[in-house]
């Protein structure tokens, strides 16, 4: 990702969280993000990734705590 997109991604002290998020996206997700990034501003693509990451992060916290 570009420097702009990297700055938009939430920082985490645990690298496995980000690895799990990458696995969550799968190849189809990356294709969609590439299409979005090619047809919009990088800021838009970064905001979409950030929103999905926060949604994923919340769902895994709820799963781990049994909520």
PDB file of N, CA and C in Angstrom:
ATOM      1  N   UNK A   1       0.817  -1.200   0.000  1.00  0.00           N
ATOM      2  CA  UNK A   1       0.000   0.000   0.000  1.00  0.00           C
ATOM      3  C   UNK A   1       0.854   1.254   0.000  1.00  0.00           C
ATOM      4  N   UNK A   2       0.292   2.315  -0.491  1.00  0.00           N
ATOM      5  CA  UNK A   2       1.012   3.583  -0.502  1.00  0.00           C
ATOM      6  C   UNK A   2       1.185   4.089   0.922  1.00  0.00           C
ATOM      7  N   UNK A   3       2.048   5.108   1.078  1.00  0.00           N
ATOM      8  CA  UNK A   3       2.266   5.676   2.408  1.00  0.00           C
ATOM      9  C   UNK A   3       0.967   6.234   2.977  1.00  0.00           C
ATOM     10  N   UNK A   4       0.144   6.841   2.123  1.00  0.00           N
ATOM     11  CA  UNK A   4      -1.131   7.396   2.582  1.00  0.00           C
ATOM     12  C   UNK A   4      -2.012   6.303   3.151  1.00  0.00           C
ATOM     13  N   UNK A   5      -2.136   5.184   2.431  1.00  0.00           N
ATOM     14  CA  UNK A   5      -2.970   4.089   2.911  1.00  0.00           C
ATOM     15  C   UNK A   5      -2.408   3.489   4.188  1.00  0.00           C
ATOM     16  N   UNK A   6      -1.083   3.381   4.294  1.00  0.00           N
ATOM     17  CA  UNK A   6      -0.483   2.825   5.498  1.00  0.00           C
ATOM     18  C   UNK A   6      -0.763   3.710   6.700  1.00  0.00           C
ATOM     19  N   UNK A   7      -0.789   5.016   6.505  1.00  0.00           N
ATOM     20  CA  UNK A   7      -1.072   5.928   7.605  1.00  0.00           C
ATOM     21  C   UNK A   7      -2.517   5.815   8.064  1.00  0.00           C
ATOM     22  N   UNK A   8      -3.415   5.433   7.161  1.00  0.00           N
ATOM     23  CA  UNK A   8      -4.829   5.334   7.505  1.00  0.00           C
ATOM     24  C   UNK A   8      -5.160   4.053   8.257  1.00  0.00           C
ATOM     25  N   UNK A   9      -4.302   3.048   8.123  1.00  0.00           N
ATOM     26  CA  UNK A   9      -4.573   1.791   8.797  1.00  0.00           C
ATOM     27  C   UNK A   9      -4.326   1.939  10.291  1.00  0.00           C
ATOM     28  N   UNK A  10      -5.205   1.383  11.107  1.00  0.00           N
ATOM     29  CA  UNK A  10      -5.005   1.483  12.549  1.00  0.00           C
ATOM     30  C   UNK A  10      -3.717   0.790  12.968  1.00  0.00           C
ATOM     31  N   UNK A  11      -3.027   1.374  13.907  1.00  0.00           N
ATOM     32  CA  UNK A  11      -1.791   0.786  14.409  1.00  0.00           C
ATOM     33  C   UNK A  11      -2.152  -0.261  15.455  1.00  0.00           C
ATOM     34  N   UNK A  12      -1.438  -1.370  15.456  1.00  0.00           N
ATOM     35  CA  UNK A  12      -1.663  -2.414  16.442  1.00  0.00           C
ATOM     36  C   UNK A  12      -0.326  -2.953  16.902  1.00  0.00           C
ATOM     37  N   UNK A  13      -0.249  -3.320  18.140  1.00  0.00           N
ATOM     38  CA  UNK A  13       0.997  -3.857  18.671  1.00  0.00           C
ATOM     39  C   UNK A  13       1.116  -5.345  18.397  1.00  0.00           C
ATOM     40  N   UNK A  14       0.022  -5.962  17.968  1.00  0.00           N
ATOM     41  CA  UNK A  14       0.060  -7.398  17.706  1.00  0.00           C
ATOM     42  C   UNK A  14      -0.031  -7.646  16.207  1.00  0.00           C
ATOM     43  N   UNK A  15       1.048  -8.124  15.614  1.00  0.00           N
ATOM     44  CA  UNK A  15       1.078  -8.321  14.165  1.00  0.00           C
ATOM     45  C   UNK A  15       0.120  -9.418  13.722  1.00  0.00           C
ATOM     46  N   UNK A  16      -0.178 -10.386  14.592  1.00  0.00           N
ATOM     47  CA  UNK A  16      -1.085 -11.457  14.184  1.00  0.00           C
ATOM     48  C   UNK A  16      -2.488 -10.933  13.909  1.00  0.00           C
ATOM     49  N   UNK A  17      -2.884  -9.840  14.558  1.00  0.00           N
ATOM     50  CA  UNK A  17      -4.191  -9.256  14.271  1.00  0.00           C
ATOM     51  C   UNK A  17      -4.274  -8.816  12.817  1.00  0.00           C
ATOM     52  N   UNK A  18      -3.228  -8.153  12.346  1.00  0.00           N
ATOM     53  CA  UNK A  18      -3.216  -7.689  10.967  1.00  0.00           C
ATOM     54  C   UNK A  18      -3.147  -8.870  10.013  1.00  0.00           C
ATOM     55  N   UNK A  19      -2.395  -9.909  10.358  1.00  0.00           N
ATOM     56  CA  UNK A  19      -2.316 -11.107   9.515  1.00  0.00           C
ATOM     57  C   UNK A  19      -3.679 -11.766   9.392  1.00  0.00           C
ATOM     58  N   UNK A  20      -4.407 -11.821  10.487  1.00  0.00           N
ATOM     59  CA  UNK A  20      -5.750 -12.395  10.442  1.00  0.00           C
ATOM     60  C   UNK A  20      -6.673 -11.547   9.578  1.00  0.00           C
ATOM     61  N   UNK A  21      -6.513 -10.227   9.648  1.00  0.00           N
ATOM     62  CA  UNK A  21      -7.326  -9.339   8.818  1.00  0.00           C
ATOM     63  C   UNK A  21      -7.028  -9.569   7.344  1.00  0.00           C
ATOM     64  N   UNK A  22      -5.757  -9.746   6.996  1.00  0.00           N
ATOM     65  CA  UNK A  22      -5.378 -10.029   5.611  1.00  0.00           C
ATOM     66  C   UNK A  22      -6.038 -11.329   5.157  1.00  0.00           C
ATOM     67  N   UNK A  23      -6.015 -12.345   6.010  1.00  0.00           N
ATOM     68  CA  UNK A  23      -6.667 -13.604   5.680  1.00  0.00           C
ATOM     69  C   UNK A  23      -8.164 -13.441   5.500  1.00  0.00           C
ATOM     70  N   UNK A  24      -8.731 -12.537   6.284  1.00  0.00           N
ATOM     71  CA  UNK A  24     -10.168 -12.253   6.217  1.00  0.00           C
ATOM     72  C   UNK A  24     -10.557 -11.669   4.862  1.00  0.00           C
ATOM     73  N   UNK A  25      -9.677 -10.882   4.269  1.00  0.00           N
ATOM     74  CA  UNK A  25      -9.988 -10.249   2.988  1.00  0.00           C
ATOM     75  C   UNK A  25      -9.970 -11.229   1.826  1.00  0.00           C
ATOM     76  N   UNK A  26      -9.060 -12.185   1.854  1.00  0.00           N
ATOM     77  CA  UNK A  26      -8.878 -13.143   0.766  1.00  0.00           C
ATOM     78  C   UNK A  26      -8.556 -12.419  -0.546  1.00  0.00           C
ATOM     79  N   UNK A  27      -8.318 -13.177  -1.576  1.00  0.00           N
ATOM     80  CA  UNK A  27      -7.919 -12.606  -2.871  1.00  0.00           C
ATOM     81  C   UNK A  27      -9.011 -11.738  -3.488  1.00  0.00           C
ATOM     82  N   UNK A  28     -10.260 -12.117  -3.343  1.00  0.00           N
ATOM     83  CA  UNK A  28     -11.352 -11.330  -3.929  1.00  0.00           C
ATOM     84  C   UNK A  28     -11.410  -9.931  -3.340  1.00  0.00           C
ATOM     85  N   UNK A  29     -11.175  -9.819  -2.045  1.00  0.00           N
ATOM     86  CA  UNK A  29     -11.179  -8.514  -1.395  1.00  0.00           C
ATOM     87  C   UNK A  29     -10.089  -7.613  -1.936  1.00  0.00           C
ATOM     88  N   UNK A  30      -8.906  -8.183  -2.166  1.00  0.00           N
ATOM     89  CA  UNK A  30      -7.816  -7.387  -2.717  1.00  0.00           C
ATOM     90  C   UNK A  30      -8.131  -6.924  -4.134  1.00  0.00           C
ATOM     91  N   UNK A  31      -8.768  -7.766  -4.917  1.00  0.00           N
ATOM     92  CA  UNK A  31      -9.167  -7.371  -6.269  1.00  0.00           C
ATOM     93  C   UNK A  31     -10.128  -6.187  -6.206  1.00  0.00           C
ATOM     94  N   UNK A  32     -11.100  -6.267  -5.327  1.00  0.00           N
ATOM     95  CA  UNK A  32     -12.069  -5.176  -5.186  1.00  0.00           C
ATOM     96  C   UNK A  32     -11.377  -3.898  -4.748  1.00  0.00           C
ATOM     97  N   UNK A  33     -10.456  -3.988  -3.779  1.00  0.00           N
ATOM     98  CA  UNK A  33      -9.740  -2.792  -3.323  1.00  0.00           C
ATOM     99  C   UNK A  33      -8.872  -2.202  -4.423  1.00  0.00           C
ATOM    100  N   UNK A  34      -8.265  -3.048  -5.244  1.00  0.00           N
ATOM    101  CA  UNK A  34      -7.480  -2.533  -6.368  1.00  0.00           C
ATOM    102  C   UNK A  34      -8.365  -1.779  -7.349  1.00  0.00           C
ATOM    103  N   UNK A  35      -9.539  -2.305  -7.624  1.00  0.00           N
ATOM    104  CA  UNK A  35     -10.474  -1.623  -8.525  1.00  0.00           C
ATOM    105  C   UNK A  35     -10.906  -0.292  -7.924  1.00  0.00           C
ATOM    106  N   UNK A  36     -11.237  -0.293  -6.636  1.00  0.00           N
ATOM    107  CA  UNK A  36     -11.631   0.952  -5.964  1.00  0.00           C
ATOM    108  C   UNK A  36     -10.492   1.959  -6.010  1.00  0.00           C
ATOM    109  N   UNK A  37      -9.278   1.527  -5.688  1.00  0.00           N
ATOM    110  CA  UNK A  37      -8.127   2.431  -5.650  1.00  0.00           C
ATOM    111  C   UNK A  37      -7.816   3.005  -7.030  1.00  0.00           C
ATOM    112  N   UNK A  38      -8.027   2.221  -8.085  1.00  0.00           N
ATOM    113  CA  UNK A  38      -7.747   2.697  -9.434  1.00  0.00           C
ATOM    114  C   UNK A  38      -8.797   3.690  -9.920  1.00  0.00           C
ATOM    115  N   UNK A  39      -9.996   3.631  -9.347  1.00  0.00           N
ATOM    116  CA  UNK A  39     -11.091   4.466  -9.832  1.00  0.00           C
ATOM    117  C   UNK A  39     -11.490   5.585  -8.877  1.00  0.00           C
ATOM    118  N   UNK A  40     -10.843   5.661  -7.737  1.00  0.00           N
ATOM    119  CA  UNK A  40     -11.131   6.722  -6.774  1.00  0.00           C
ATOM    120  C   UNK A  40      -9.820   7.245  -6.214  1.00  0.00           C
ATOM    121  N   UNK A  41      -9.927   8.166  -5.316  1.00  0.00           N
ATOM    122  CA  UNK A  41      -8.780   8.707  -4.605  1.00  0.00           C
ATOM    123  C   UNK A  41      -8.264   7.655  -3.613  1.00  0.00           C
ATOM    124  N   UNK A  42      -6.961   7.657  -3.330  1.00  0.00           N
ATOM    125  CA  UNK A  42      -6.402   6.722  -2.354  1.00  0.00           C
ATOM    126  C   UNK A  42      -7.029   6.915  -0.981  1.00  0.00           C
ATOM    127  N   UNK A  43      -7.437   8.133  -0.682  1.00  0.00           N
ATOM    128  CA  UNK A  43      -8.064   8.417   0.607  1.00  0.00           C
ATOM    129  C   UNK A  43      -9.357   7.622   0.757  1.00  0.00           C
ATOM    130  N   UNK A  44     -10.133   7.516  -0.303  1.00  0.00           N
ATOM    131  CA  UNK A  44     -11.388   6.760  -0.269  1.00  0.00           C
ATOM    132  C   UNK A  44     -11.097   5.286  -0.021  1.00  0.00           C
ATOM    133  N   UNK A  45     -10.148   4.727  -0.752  1.00  0.00           N
ATOM    134  CA  UNK A  45      -9.789   3.322  -0.570  1.00  0.00           C
ATOM    135  C   UNK A  45      -9.300   3.081   0.855  1.00  0.00           C
ATOM    136  N   UNK A  46      -8.494   3.991   1.379  1.00  0.00           N
ATOM    137  CA  UNK A  46      -7.994   3.863   2.747  1.00  0.00           C
ATOM    138  C   UNK A  46      -9.107   3.904   3.776  1.00  0.00           C
ATOM    139  N   UNK A  47     -10.091   4.770   3.555  1.00  0.00           N
ATOM    140  CA  UNK A  47     -11.215   4.868   4.492  1.00  0.00           C
ATOM    141  C   UNK A  47     -12.062   3.600   4.473  1.00  0.00           C
ATOM    142  N   UNK A  48     -12.230   3.013   3.304  1.00  0.00           N
ATOM    143  CA  UNK A  48     -12.982   1.760   3.200  1.00  0.00           C
ATOM    144  C   UNK A  48     -12.247   0.656   3.945  1.00  0.00           C
ATOM    145  N   UNK A  49     -10.936   0.562   3.744  1.00  0.00           N
ATOM    146  CA  UNK A  49     -10.140  -0.452   4.434  1.00  0.00           C
ATOM    147  C   UNK A  49     -10.207  -0.241   5.945  1.00  0.00           C
ATOM    148  N   UNK A  50     -10.088   1.003   6.373  1.00  0.00           N
ATOM    149  CA  UNK A  50     -10.151   1.297   7.806  1.00  0.00           C
ATOM    150  C   UNK A  50     -11.505   0.894   8.390  1.00  0.00           C
ATOM    151  N   UNK A  51     -12.587   1.206   7.689  1.00  0.00           N
ATOM    152  CA  UNK A  51     -13.929   0.850   8.164  1.00  0.00           C
ATOM    153  C   UNK A  51     -14.076  -0.671   8.280  1.00  0.00           C
ATOM    154  N   UNK A  52     -13.624  -1.394   7.261  1.00  0.00           N
ATOM    155  CA  UNK A  52     -13.720  -2.852   7.305  1.00  0.00           C
ATOM    156  C   UNK A  52     -12.871  -3.432   8.425  1.00  0.00           C
ATOM    157  N   UNK A  53     -11.677  -2.863   8.635  1.00  0.00           N
ATOM    158  CA  UNK A  53     -10.810  -3.354   9.702  1.00  0.00           C
ATOM    159  C   UNK A  53     -11.472  -3.146  11.059  1.00  0.00           C
ATOM    160  N   UNK A  54     -12.057  -1.970  11.261  1.00  0.00           N
ATOM    161  CA  UNK A  54     -12.719  -1.698  12.549  1.00  0.00           C
ATOM    162  C   UNK A  54     -13.918  -2.630  12.746  1.00  0.00           C
ATOM    163  N   UNK A  55     -14.653  -2.919  11.686  1.00  0.00           N
ATOM    164  CA  UNK A  55     -15.775  -3.854  11.767  1.00  0.00           C
ATOM    165  C   UNK A  55     -15.271  -5.249  12.100  1.00  0.00           C
ATOM    166  N   UNK A  56     -14.192  -5.668  11.431  1.00  0.00           N
ATOM    167  CA  UNK A  56     -13.592  -6.980  11.683  1.00  0.00           C
ATOM    168  C   UNK A  56     -13.076  -7.057  13.110  1.00  0.00           C
ATOM    169  N   UNK A  57     -12.386  -6.006  13.554  1.00  0.00           N
ATOM    170  CA  UNK A  57     -11.804  -5.970  14.894  1.00  0.00           C
ATOM    171  C   UNK A  57     -12.905  -6.092  15.954  1.00  0.00           C
ATOM    172  N   UNK A  58     -14.006  -5.381  15.764  1.00  0.00           N
ATOM    173  CA  UNK A  58     -15.131  -5.430  16.699  1.00  0.00           C
ATOM    174  C   UNK A  58     -15.762  -6.810  16.719  1.00  0.00           C
ATOM    175  N   UNK A  59     -15.940  -7.416  15.547  1.00  0.00           N
ATOM    176  CA  UNK A  59     -16.576  -8.731  15.495  1.00  0.00           C
ATOM    177  C   UNK A  59     -15.700  -9.791  16.141  1.00  0.00           C
ATOM    178  N   UNK A  60     -14.375  -9.698  16.000  1.00  0.00           N
ATOM    179  CA  UNK A  60     -13.504 -10.689  16.635  1.00  0.00           C
ATOM    180  C   UNK A  60     -13.460 -10.483  18.138  1.00  0.00           C
ATOM    181  N   UNK A  61     -13.541  -9.231  18.601  1.00  0.00           N
ATOM    182  CA  UNK A  61     -13.584  -8.984  20.046  1.00  0.00           C
ATOM    183  C   UNK A  61     -14.861  -9.566  20.633  1.00  0.00           C
ATOM    184  N   UNK A  62     -15.976  -9.373  19.955  1.00  0.00           N
ATOM    185  CA  UNK A  62     -17.248  -9.915  20.432  1.00  0.00           C
ATOM    186  C   UNK A  62     -17.226 -11.433  20.435  1.00  0.00           C
ATOM    187  N   UNK A  63     -16.606 -12.038  19.428  1.00  0.00           N
ATOM    188  CA  UNK A  63     -16.509 -13.494  19.348  1.00  0.00           C
ATOM    189  C   UNK A  63     -15.637 -14.023  20.480  1.00  0.00           C
ATOM    190  N   UNK A  64     -14.502 -13.366  20.725  1.00  0.00           N
ATOM    191  CA  UNK A  64     -13.572 -13.820  21.760  1.00  0.00           C
ATOM    192  C   UNK A  64     -14.137 -13.659  23.162  1.00  0.00           C
ATOM    193  N   UNK A  65     -14.989 -12.667  23.384  1.00  0.00           N
ATOM    194  CA  UNK A  65     -15.556 -12.442  24.712  1.00  0.00           C
ATOM    195  C   UNK A  65     -16.903 -13.129  24.886  1.00  0.00           C
ATOM    196  N   UNK A  66     -17.423 -13.702  23.802  1.00  0.00           N
ATOM    197  CA  UNK A  66     -18.701 -14.392  23.872  1.00  0.00           C
ATOM    198  C   UNK A  66     -19.903 -13.481  23.849  1.00  0.00           C
ATOM    199  N   UNK A  67     -19.728 -12.240  23.412  1.00  0.00           N
ATOM    200  CA  UNK A  67     -20.842 -11.283  23.351  1.00  0.00           C
ATOM    201  C   UNK A  67     -21.635 -11.524  22.094  1.00  0.00           C
TER     202      UNK A  67
END
